[in-house]
C-alpha atoms as a PDB file:
ATOM      1  CA  UNK A   1      68.107 119.131 100.578  1.00  0.00           C
ATOM      2  CA  UNK A   2      67.967 119.443 104.325  1.00  0.00           C
ATOM      3  CA  UNK A   3      66.092 116.624 106.015  1.00  0.00           C
ATOM      4  CA  UNK A   4      63.340 117.668 108.444  1.00  0.00           C
ATOM      5  CA  UNK A   5      65.271 115.885 111.203  1.00  0.00           C
ATOM      6  CA  UNK A   6      68.115 118.404 110.719  1.00  0.00           C
ATOM      7  CA  UNK A   7      65.893 121.433 111.314  1.00  0.00           C
ATOM      8  CA  UNK A   8      66.660 121.478 115.051  1.00  0.00           C
ATOM      9  CA  UNK A   9      70.356 121.891 114.312  1.00  0.00           C
ATOM     10  CA  UNK A  10      69.470 124.956 112.229  1.00  0.00           C
ATOM     11  CA  UNK A  11      67.113 126.339 114.853  1.00  0.00           C
ATOM     12  CA  UNK A  12      64.030 125.885 112.648  1.00  0.00           C
ATOM     13  CA  UNK A  13      60.665 124.407 113.477  1.00  0.00           C
ATOM     14  CA  UNK A  14      59.199 121.803 111.117  1.00  0.00           C
ATOM     15  CA  UNK A  15      56.771 124.465 109.846  1.00  0.00           C
ATOM     16  CA  UNK A  16      59.647 126.872 109.116  1.00  0.00           C
ATOM     17  CA  UNK A  17      61.401 124.088 107.213  1.00  0.00           C
ATOM     18  CA  UNK A  18      58.277 123.427 105.124  1.00  0.00           C
ATOM     19  CA  UNK A  19      57.907 127.138 104.391  1.00  0.00           C
ATOM     20  CA  UNK A  20      61.507 127.356 103.163  1.00  0.00           C
ATOM     21  CA  UNK A  21      61.170 124.237 100.985  1.00  0.00           C
ATOM     22  CA  UNK A  22      57.911 125.541  99.499  1.00  0.00           C
ATOM     23  CA  UNK A  23      59.520 128.920  98.775  1.00  0.00           C
ATOM     24  CA  UNK A  24      62.478 127.301  97.028  1.00  0.00           C
ATOM     25  CA  UNK A  25      60.167 125.095  94.969  1.00  0.00           C
ATOM     26  CA  UNK A  26      57.950 128.004  93.900  1.00  0.00           C
ATOM     27  CA  UNK A  27      60.846 130.283  92.911  1.00  0.00           C
ATOM     28  CA  UNK A  28      63.401 127.810  91.587  1.00  0.00           C
ATOM     29  CA  UNK A  29      64.604 130.281  88.931  1.00  0.00           C
ATOM     30  CA  UNK A  30      65.284 133.039  91.477  1.00  0.00           C
ATOM     31  CA  UNK A  31      68.808 131.977  92.411  1.00  0.00           C
ATOM     32  CA  UNK A  32      71.984 131.811  90.324  1.00  0.00           C
ATOM     33  CA  UNK A  33      72.942 128.519  88.647  1.00  0.00           C
ATOM     34  CA  UNK A  34      76.202 126.914  89.758  1.00  0.00           C
ATOM     35  CA  UNK A  35      78.442 126.300  86.743  1.00  0.00           C
ATOM     36  CA  UNK A  36      79.204 122.685  85.894  1.00  0.00           C
ATOM     37  CA  UNK A  37      76.397 121.177  88.001  1.00  0.00           C
ATOM     38  CA  UNK A  38      73.759 120.616  85.358  1.00  0.00           C
ATOM     39  CA  UNK A  39      71.410 123.237  86.766  1.00  0.00           C
ATOM     40  CA  UNK A  40      71.865 123.202  90.559  1.00  0.00           C
ATOM     41  CA  UNK A  41      71.206 126.587  92.125  1.00  0.00           C
ATOM     42  CA  UNK A  42      72.943 128.365  94.987  1.00  0.00           C
ATOM     43  CA  UNK A  43      70.547 129.133  97.809  1.00  0.00           C
ATOM     44  CA  UNK A  44      71.590 131.089 100.893  1.00  0.00           C
ATOM     45  CA  UNK A  45      69.740 131.316 104.160  1.00  0.00           C
ATOM     46  CA  UNK A  46      70.524 131.654 107.836  1.00  0.00           C
ATOM     47  CA  UNK A  47      69.348 129.871 110.921  1.00  0.00           C
ATOM     48  CA  UNK A  48      67.484 131.643 113.676  1.00  0.00           C
ATOM     49  CA  UNK A  49      69.513 134.379 115.349  1.00  0.00           C
ATOM     50  CA  UNK A  50      72.198 134.595 112.690  1.00  0.00           C
END
């Protein structure tokens, strides 16, 4: 999980960070499981301008 203090490095505001975390939480089955991790899922996203 990305800490809110790291959002500046990604070019996100705190509100954008919260929106992303909420979206991941609400759709946790949407992404593919990573084999051998016990259920961790691969999530891809980009920072602003990428």
